[in-house]
PDB file of all heavy atoms in Angstrom:
ATOM      1  N   ALA A   1       0.880  -1.190  -0.038  1.00  0.00           N
ATOM      2  CA  ALA A   1       0.035  -0.023   0.015  1.00  0.00           C
ATOM      3  C   ALA A   1       0.835   1.231   0.010  1.00  0.00           C
ATOM      4  O   ALA A   1       0.679   2.194  -0.810  1.00  0.00           O
ATOM      5  CB  ALA A   1      -0.920  -0.020   1.222  1.00  0.00           C
ATOM      6  N   ARG A   2       1.851   1.254   0.868  1.00  0.00           N
ATOM      7  CA  ARG A   2       2.812   2.447   0.948  1.00  0.00           C
ATOM      8  C   ARG A   2       3.458   2.703  -0.404  1.00  0.00           C
ATOM      9  O   ARG A   2       3.542   3.802  -0.899  1.00  0.00           O
ATOM     10  CB  ARG A   2       3.801   2.234   2.042  1.00  0.00           C
ATOM     11  CG  ARG A   2       4.845   3.376   2.164  1.00  0.00           C
ATOM     12  CD  ARG A   2       6.013   3.008   3.016  1.00  0.00           C
ATOM     13  NE  ARG A   2       6.885   2.112   2.277  1.00  0.00           N
ATOM     14  CZ  ARG A   2       7.440   0.999   2.686  1.00  0.00           C
ATOM     15  NH1 ARG A   2       7.205   0.541   3.874  1.00  0.00           N
ATOM     16  NH2 ARG A   2       8.199   0.294   1.945  1.00  0.00           N
ATOM     17  N   ARG A   3       3.963   1.619  -0.992  1.00  0.00           N
ATOM     18  CA  ARG A   3       4.700   1.769  -2.276  1.00  0.00           C
ATOM     19  C   ARG A   3       3.760   2.240  -3.395  1.00  0.00           C
ATOM     20  O   ARG A   3       4.076   3.065  -4.154  1.00  0.00           O
ATOM     21  CB  ARG A   3       5.301   0.452  -2.702  1.00  0.00           C
ATOM     22  CG  ARG A   3       6.515   0.157  -1.854  1.00  0.00           C
ATOM     23  CD  ARG A   3       7.111  -1.171  -2.247  1.00  0.00           C
ATOM     24  NE  ARG A   3       8.330  -1.368  -1.441  1.00  0.00           N
ATOM     25  CZ  ARG A   3       9.191  -2.308  -1.748  1.00  0.00           C
ATOM     26  NH1 ARG A   3       9.068  -3.066  -2.779  1.00  0.00           N
ATOM     27  NH2 ARG A   3      10.272  -2.458  -1.003  1.00  0.00           N
ATOM     28  N   LEU A   4       2.521   1.729  -3.458  1.00  0.00           N
ATOM     29  CA  LEU A   4       1.592   2.141  -4.465  1.00  0.00           C
ATOM     30  C   LEU A   4       1.096   3.562  -4.319  1.00  0.00           C
ATOM     31  O   LEU A   4       0.841   4.295  -5.251  1.00  0.00           O
ATOM     32  CB  LEU A   4       0.424   1.201  -4.538  1.00  0.00           C
ATOM     33  CG  LEU A   4       0.798  -0.186  -5.088  1.00  0.00           C
ATOM     34  CD1 LEU A   4      -0.390  -1.115  -5.100  1.00  0.00           C
ATOM     35  CD2 LEU A   4       1.379  -0.088  -6.480  1.00  0.00           C
ATOM     36  N   VAL A   5       1.021   4.094  -3.033  1.00  0.00           N
ATOM     37  CA  VAL A   5       0.625   5.443  -2.790  1.00  0.00           C
ATOM     38  C   VAL A   5       1.714   6.335  -3.337  1.00  0.00           C
ATOM     39  O   VAL A   5       1.484   7.327  -4.014  1.00  0.00           O
ATOM     40  CB  VAL A   5       0.440   5.685  -1.307  1.00  0.00           C
ATOM     41  CG1 VAL A   5       0.433   7.222  -0.979  1.00  0.00           C
ATOM     42  CG2 VAL A   5      -0.918   5.119  -0.876  1.00  0.00           C
ATOM     43  N   SER A   6       2.975   6.029  -3.068  1.00  0.00           N
ATOM     44  CA  SER A   6       4.118   6.865  -3.527  1.00  0.00           C
ATOM     45  C   SER A   6       4.190   6.839  -5.068  1.00  0.00           C
ATOM     46  O   SER A   6       4.457   7.910  -5.646  1.00  0.00           O
ATOM     47  CB  SER A   6       5.441   6.349  -2.937  1.00  0.00           C
ATOM     48  OG  SER A   6       6.473   7.195  -3.226  1.00  0.00           O
ATOM     49  N   LEU A   7       3.995   5.669  -5.610  1.00  0.00           N
ATOM     50  CA  LEU A   7       3.990   5.576  -7.092  1.00  0.00           C
ATOM     51  C   LEU A   7       2.938   6.381  -7.703  1.00  0.00           C
ATOM     52  O   LEU A   7       3.165   7.114  -8.665  1.00  0.00           O
ATOM     53  CB  LEU A   7       3.878   4.108  -7.532  1.00  0.00           C
ATOM     54  CG  LEU A   7       3.701   3.839  -9.019  1.00  0.00           C
ATOM     55  CD1 LEU A   7       5.015   4.153  -9.794  1.00  0.00           C
ATOM     56  CD2 LEU A   7       3.291   2.381  -9.246  1.00  0.00           C
ATOM     57  N   ARG A   8       1.723   6.314  -7.190  1.00  0.00           N
ATOM     58  CA  ARG A   8       0.552   7.047  -7.719  1.00  0.00           C
ATOM     59  C   ARG A   8       0.813   8.500  -7.595  1.00  0.00           C
ATOM     60  O   ARG A   8       0.553   9.253  -8.561  1.00  0.00           O
ATOM     61  CB  ARG A   8      -0.709   6.617  -6.983  1.00  0.00           C
ATOM     62  CG  ARG A   8      -2.005   7.075  -7.650  1.00  0.00           C
ATOM     63  CD  ARG A   8      -2.167   6.602  -9.051  1.00  0.00           C
ATOM     64  NE  ARG A   8      -1.971   5.185  -9.073  1.00  0.00           N
ATOM     65  CZ  ARG A   8      -2.583   4.321  -9.928  1.00  0.00           C
ATOM     66  NH1 ARG A   8      -3.381   4.798 -10.853  1.00  0.00           N
ATOM     67  NH2 ARG A   8      -2.347   3.053  -9.902  1.00  0.00           N
ATOM     68  N   LEU A   9       1.259   8.999  -6.512  1.00  0.00           N
ATOM     69  CA  LEU A   9       1.528  10.398  -6.317  1.00  0.00           C
ATOM     70  C   LEU A   9       2.631  10.923  -7.340  1.00  0.00           C
ATOM     71  O   LEU A   9       2.430  12.005  -7.932  1.00  0.00           O
ATOM     72  CB  LEU A   9       1.990  10.746  -4.905  1.00  0.00           C
ATOM     73  CG  LEU A   9       0.909  10.659  -3.836  1.00  0.00           C
ATOM     74  CD1 LEU A   9       1.453  10.684  -2.474  1.00  0.00           C
ATOM     75  CD2 LEU A   9      -0.167  11.723  -4.002  1.00  0.00           C
ATOM     76  N   ASP A  10       3.606  10.078  -7.540  1.00  0.00           N
ATOM     77  CA  ASP A  10       4.583  10.413  -8.546  1.00  0.00           C
ATOM     78  C   ASP A  10       3.939  10.533  -9.917  1.00  0.00           C
ATOM     79  O   ASP A  10       4.230  11.464 -10.701  1.00  0.00           O
ATOM     80  CB  ASP A  10       5.712   9.388  -8.558  1.00  0.00           C
ATOM     81  CG  ASP A  10       6.832   9.756  -9.514  1.00  0.00           C
ATOM     82  OD1 ASP A  10       7.550  10.769  -9.318  1.00  0.00           O
ATOM     83  OD2 ASP A  10       7.031   9.016 -10.534  1.00  0.00           O
ATOM     84  N   GLU A  11       3.094   9.606 -10.255  1.00  0.00           N
ATOM     85  CA  GLU A  11       2.358   9.621 -11.576  1.00  0.00           C
ATOM     86  C   GLU A  11       1.500  10.894 -11.634  1.00  0.00           C
ATOM     87  O   GLU A  11       1.255  11.407 -12.728  1.00  0.00           O
ATOM     88  CB  GLU A  11       1.529   8.412 -11.719  1.00  0.00           C
ATOM     89  CG  GLU A  11       2.338   7.141 -11.979  1.00  0.00           C
ATOM     90  CD  GLU A  11       1.535   5.893 -12.011  1.00  0.00           C
ATOM     91  OE1 GLU A  11       0.323   5.934 -11.665  1.00  0.00           O
ATOM     92  OE2 GLU A  11       2.133   4.790 -12.273  1.00  0.00           O
ATOM     93  N   TRP A  12       0.987  11.383 -10.556  1.00  0.00           N
ATOM     94  CA  TRP A  12       0.159  12.613 -10.512  1.00  0.00           C
ATOM     95  C   TRP A  12       0.936  13.911 -10.541  1.00  0.00           C
ATOM     96  O   TRP A  12       0.435  14.955 -10.486  1.00  0.00           O
ATOM     97  CB  TRP A  12      -0.724  12.592  -9.282  1.00  0.00           C
ATOM     98  CG  TRP A  12      -1.851  11.556  -9.278  1.00  0.00           C
ATOM     99  CD1 TRP A  12      -2.159  10.697 -10.300  1.00  0.00           C
ATOM    100  CD2 TRP A  12      -2.666  11.223  -8.226  1.00  0.00           C
ATOM    101  NE1 TRP A  12      -3.147   9.824  -9.877  1.00  0.00           N
ATOM    102  CE2 TRP A  12      -3.513  10.147  -8.648  1.00  0.00           C
ATOM    103  CE3 TRP A  12      -2.835  11.707  -6.904  1.00  0.00           C
ATOM    104  CZ2 TRP A  12      -4.485   9.654  -7.783  1.00  0.00           C
ATOM    105  CZ3 TRP A  12      -3.810  11.222  -6.083  1.00  0.00           C
ATOM    106  CH2 TRP A  12      -4.635  10.152  -6.495  1.00  0.00           C
ATOM    107  N   GLY A  13       2.292  13.736 -10.575  1.00  0.00           N
ATOM    108  CA  GLY A  13       3.100  14.966 -10.696  1.00  0.00           C
ATOM    109  C   GLY A  13       3.747  15.408  -9.394  1.00  0.00           C
ATOM    110  O   GLY A  13       4.373  16.531  -9.359  1.00  0.00           O
ATOM    111  N   HIS A  14       3.737  14.548  -8.361  1.00  0.00           N
ATOM    112  CA  HIS A  14       4.409  14.865  -7.101  1.00  0.00           C
ATOM    113  C   HIS A  14       5.529  13.859  -6.907  1.00  0.00           C
ATOM    114  O   HIS A  14       5.332  12.688  -6.517  1.00  0.00           O
ATOM    115  CB  HIS A  14       3.395  14.721  -5.939  1.00  0.00           C
ATOM    116  CG  HIS A  14       2.201  15.566  -6.176  1.00  0.00           C
ATOM    117  ND1 HIS A  14       2.224  16.890  -6.033  1.00  0.00           N
ATOM    118  CD2 HIS A  14       0.935  15.249  -6.559  1.00  0.00           C
ATOM    119  CE1 HIS A  14       1.078  17.463  -6.316  1.00  0.00           C
ATOM    120  NE2 HIS A  14       0.222  16.479  -6.602  1.00  0.00           N
ATOM    121  N   PRO A  15       6.762  14.248  -7.239  1.00  0.00           N
ATOM    122  CA  PRO A  15       7.888  13.329  -7.288  1.00  0.00           C
ATOM    123  C   PRO A  15       8.187  12.635  -5.957  1.00  0.00           C
ATOM    124  O   PRO A  15       7.838  13.163  -4.883  1.00  0.00           O
ATOM    125  CB  PRO A  15       9.048  14.244  -7.750  1.00  0.00           C
ATOM    126  CG  PRO A  15       8.620  15.620  -7.487  1.00  0.00           C
ATOM    127  CD  PRO A  15       7.126  15.615  -7.494  1.00  0.00           C
ATOM    128  N   TYR A  16       8.821  11.463  -6.120  1.00  0.00           N
ATOM    129  CA  TYR A  16       9.109  10.693  -4.967  1.00  0.00           C
ATOM    130  C   TYR A  16       9.834  11.454  -3.828  1.00  0.00           C
ATOM    131  O   TYR A  16       9.568  11.271  -2.670  1.00  0.00           O
ATOM    132  CB  TYR A  16      10.012   9.511  -5.329  1.00  0.00           C
ATOM    133  CG  TYR A  16       9.296   8.466  -6.166  1.00  0.00           C
ATOM    134  CD1 TYR A  16       9.704   8.294  -7.545  1.00  0.00           C
ATOM    135  CD2 TYR A  16       8.337   7.661  -5.689  1.00  0.00           C
ATOM    136  CE1 TYR A  16       9.048   7.338  -8.313  1.00  0.00           C
ATOM    137  CE2 TYR A  16       7.701   6.687  -6.489  1.00  0.00           C
ATOM    138  CZ  TYR A  16       8.079   6.562  -7.823  1.00  0.00           C
ATOM    139  OH  TYR A  16       7.462   5.641  -8.591  1.00  0.00           O
ATOM    140  N   ASP A  17      10.742  12.330  -4.203  1.00  0.00           N
ATOM    141  CA  ASP A  17      11.508  13.072  -3.217  1.00  0.00           C
ATOM    142  C   ASP A  17      10.875  14.388  -2.832  1.00  0.00           C
ATOM    143  O   ASP A  17      11.456  15.198  -2.096  1.00  0.00           O
ATOM    144  CB  ASP A  17      12.921  13.197  -3.664  1.00  0.00           C
ATOM    145  CG  ASP A  17      13.047  14.076  -4.988  1.00  0.00           C
ATOM    146  OD1 ASP A  17      12.002  14.316  -5.578  1.00  0.00           O
ATOM    147  OD2 ASP A  17      14.213  14.431  -5.324  1.00  0.00           O
ATOM    148  N   GLY A  18       9.693  14.645  -3.278  1.00  0.00           N
ATOM    149  CA  GLY A  18       8.966  15.837  -2.926  1.00  0.00           C
ATOM    150  C   GLY A  18       8.286  15.717  -1.564  1.00  0.00           C
ATOM    151  O   GLY A  18       7.975  14.630  -1.092  1.00  0.00           O
ATOM    152  N   ARG A  19       8.190  16.898  -0.901  1.00  0.00           N
ATOM    153  CA  ARG A  19       7.578  16.873   0.448  1.00  0.00           C
ATOM    154  C   ARG A  19       6.121  16.289   0.438  1.00  0.00           C
ATOM    155  O   ARG A  19       5.810  15.612   1.477  1.00  0.00           O
ATOM    156  CB  ARG A  19       7.659  18.290   1.022  1.00  0.00           C
ATOM    157  CG  ARG A  19       9.093  18.688   1.389  1.00  0.00           C
ATOM    158  CD  ARG A  19       9.082  19.974   2.087  1.00  0.00           C
ATOM    159  NE  ARG A  19      10.461  20.461   2.205  1.00  0.00           N
ATOM    160  CZ  ARG A  19      10.869  21.719   2.149  1.00  0.00           C
ATOM    161  NH1 ARG A  19       9.996  22.642   1.949  1.00  0.00           N
ATOM    162  NH2 ARG A  19      12.146  21.969   2.305  1.00  0.00           N
ATOM    163  N   LEU A  20       5.344  16.680  -0.484  1.00  0.00           N
ATOM    164  CA  LEU A  20       3.942  16.162  -0.516  1.00  0.00           C
ATOM    165  C   LEU A  20       3.955  14.619  -0.536  1.00  0.00           C
ATOM    166  O   LEU A  20       3.286  13.931   0.182  1.00  0.00           O
ATOM    167  CB  LEU A  20       3.106  16.807  -1.593  1.00  0.00           C
ATOM    168  CG  LEU A  20       1.639  16.360  -1.498  1.00  0.00           C
ATOM    169  CD1 LEU A  20       0.721  17.600  -1.521  1.00  0.00           C
ATOM    170  CD2 LEU A  20       1.277  15.442  -2.585  1.00  0.00           C
ATOM    171  N   ASN A  21       4.696  14.129  -1.527  1.00  0.00           N
ATOM    172  CA  ASN A  21       4.793  12.671  -1.686  1.00  0.00           C
ATOM    173  C   ASN A  21       5.282  12.008  -0.431  1.00  0.00           C
ATOM    174  O   ASN A  21       4.692  11.026   0.100  1.00  0.00           O
ATOM    175  CB  ASN A  21       5.693  12.338  -2.864  1.00  0.00           C
ATOM    176  CG  ASN A  21       5.634  10.830  -3.252  1.00  0.00           C
ATOM    177  OD1 ASN A  21       5.753   9.954  -2.432  1.00  0.00           O
ATOM    178  ND2 ASN A  21       5.489  10.618  -4.556  1.00  0.00           N
ATOM    179  N   GLU A  22       6.372  12.582   0.134  1.00  0.00           N
ATOM    180  CA  GLU A  22       6.918  11.986   1.396  1.00  0.00           C
ATOM    181  C   GLU A  22       5.946  11.987   2.508  1.00  0.00           C
ATOM    182  O   GLU A  22       5.775  11.070   3.326  1.00  0.00           O
ATOM    183  CB  GLU A  22       8.211  12.686   1.771  1.00  0.00           C
ATOM    184  CG  GLU A  22       9.337  12.279   0.807  1.00  0.00           C
ATOM    185  CD  GLU A  22      10.653  13.106   1.055  1.00  0.00           C
ATOM    186  OE1 GLU A  22      10.600  14.055   1.868  1.00  0.00           O
ATOM    187  OE2 GLU A  22      11.664  12.723   0.506  1.00  0.00           O
ATOM    188  N   ALA A  23       5.210  13.101   2.709  1.00  0.00           N
ATOM    189  CA  ALA A  23       4.214  13.283   3.824  1.00  0.00           C
ATOM    190  C   ALA A  23       3.077  12.301   3.658  1.00  0.00           C
ATOM    191  O   ALA A  23       2.736  11.556   4.601  1.00  0.00           O
ATOM    192  CB  ALA A  23       3.781  14.713   3.917  1.00  0.00           C
ATOM    193  N   VAL A  24       2.480  12.296   2.481  1.00  0.00           N
ATOM    194  CA  VAL A  24       1.336  11.489   2.266  1.00  0.00           C
ATOM    195  C   VAL A  24       1.675   9.923   2.251  1.00  0.00           C
ATOM    196  O   VAL A  24       0.933   9.147   2.880  1.00  0.00           O
ATOM    197  CB  VAL A  24       0.624  11.822   0.947  1.00  0.00           C
ATOM    198  CG1 VAL A  24      -0.538  10.842   0.592  1.00  0.00           C
ATOM    199  CG2 VAL A  24       0.125  13.282   1.002  1.00  0.00           C
ATOM    200  N   THR A  25       2.816   9.649   1.769  1.00  0.00           N
ATOM    201  CA  THR A  25       3.276   8.228   1.856  1.00  0.00           C
ATOM    202  C   THR A  25       3.545   7.796   3.260  1.00  0.00           C
ATOM    203  O   THR A  25       3.135   6.692   3.652  1.00  0.00           O
ATOM    204  CB  THR A  25       4.549   8.043   0.973  1.00  0.00           C
ATOM    205  OG1 THR A  25       4.285   8.361  -0.405  1.00  0.00           O
ATOM    206  CG2 THR A  25       5.116   6.606   1.010  1.00  0.00           C
ATOM    207  N   LEU A  26       4.103   8.683   4.081  1.00  0.00           N
ATOM    208  CA  LEU A  26       4.352   8.289   5.473  1.00  0.00           C
ATOM    209  C   LEU A  26       2.998   8.163   6.198  1.00  0.00           C
ATOM    210  O   LEU A  26       2.827   7.176   6.978  1.00  0.00           O
ATOM    211  CB  LEU A  26       5.205   9.322   6.192  1.00  0.00           C
ATOM    212  CG  LEU A  26       5.571   9.006   7.647  1.00  0.00           C
ATOM    213  CD1 LEU A  26       6.176   7.647   7.828  1.00  0.00           C
ATOM    214  CD2 LEU A  26       6.454  10.132   8.196  1.00  0.00           C
ATOM    215  N   ILE A  27       2.086   9.084   5.975  1.00  0.00           N
ATOM    216  CA  ILE A  27       0.765   8.969   6.541  1.00  0.00           C
ATOM    217  C   ILE A  27       0.081   7.645   6.131  1.00  0.00           C
ATOM    218  O   ILE A  27      -0.490   6.892   7.007  1.00  0.00           O
ATOM    219  CB  ILE A  27      -0.138  10.133   6.186  1.00  0.00           C
ATOM    220  CG1 ILE A  27       0.368  11.389   6.876  1.00  0.00           C
ATOM    221  CG2 ILE A  27      -1.616   9.880   6.514  1.00  0.00           C
ATOM    222  CD1 ILE A  27      -0.203  12.733   6.332  1.00  0.00           C
ATOM    223  N   ALA A  28       0.054   7.334   4.894  1.00  0.00           N
ATOM    224  CA  ALA A  28      -0.480   6.045   4.421  1.00  0.00           C
ATOM    225  C   ALA A  28       0.125   4.888   5.037  1.00  0.00           C
ATOM    226  O   ALA A  28      -0.528   3.919   5.385  1.00  0.00           O
ATOM    227  CB  ALA A  28      -0.371   6.001   2.876  1.00  0.00           C
ATOM    228  N   ALA A  29       1.484   4.901   5.162  1.00  0.00           N
ATOM    229  CA  ALA A  29       2.226   3.783   5.792  1.00  0.00           C
ATOM    230  C   ALA A  29       1.774   3.573   7.243  1.00  0.00           C
ATOM    231  O   ALA A  29       1.495   2.460   7.705  1.00  0.00           O
ATOM    232  CB  ALA A  29       3.674   3.989   5.742  1.00  0.00           C
ATOM    233  N   GLU A  30       1.577   4.688   7.971  1.00  0.00           N
ATOM    234  CA  GLU A  30       1.179   4.571   9.422  1.00  0.00           C
ATOM    235  C   GLU A  30      -0.266   4.057   9.486  1.00  0.00           C
ATOM    236  O   GLU A  30      -0.605   3.204  10.321  1.00  0.00           O
ATOM    237  CB  GLU A  30       1.330   5.926  10.066  1.00  0.00           C
ATOM    238  CG  GLU A  30       2.752   6.399  10.246  1.00  0.00           C
ATOM    239  CD  GLU A  30       3.570   5.475  11.069  1.00  0.00           C
ATOM    240  OE1 GLU A  30       3.008   4.712  11.943  1.00  0.00           O
ATOM    241  OE2 GLU A  30       4.809   5.455  10.960  1.00  0.00           O
ATOM    242  N   LEU A  31      -1.131   4.617   8.683  1.00  0.00           N
ATOM    243  CA  LEU A  31      -2.530   4.161   8.704  1.00  0.00           C
ATOM    244  C   LEU A  31      -2.713   2.712   8.290  1.00  0.00           C
ATOM    245  O   LEU A  31      -3.438   1.941   8.907  1.00  0.00           O
ATOM    246  CB  LEU A  31      -3.439   5.096   7.902  1.00  0.00           C
ATOM    247  CG  LEU A  31      -3.465   6.607   8.318  1.00  0.00           C
ATOM    248  CD1 LEU A  31      -4.434   7.357   7.424  1.00  0.00           C
ATOM    249  CD2 LEU A  31      -3.864   6.693   9.797  1.00  0.00           C
TER     250      LEU A  31
END
């Protein structure tokens, strides 16, 4: 789930190393 969230955000234009991608991916991982 965590990996697919990060991948999807990258596909939406939010790069893997961007703050939005990192924040949302961490939140998804915790949930």
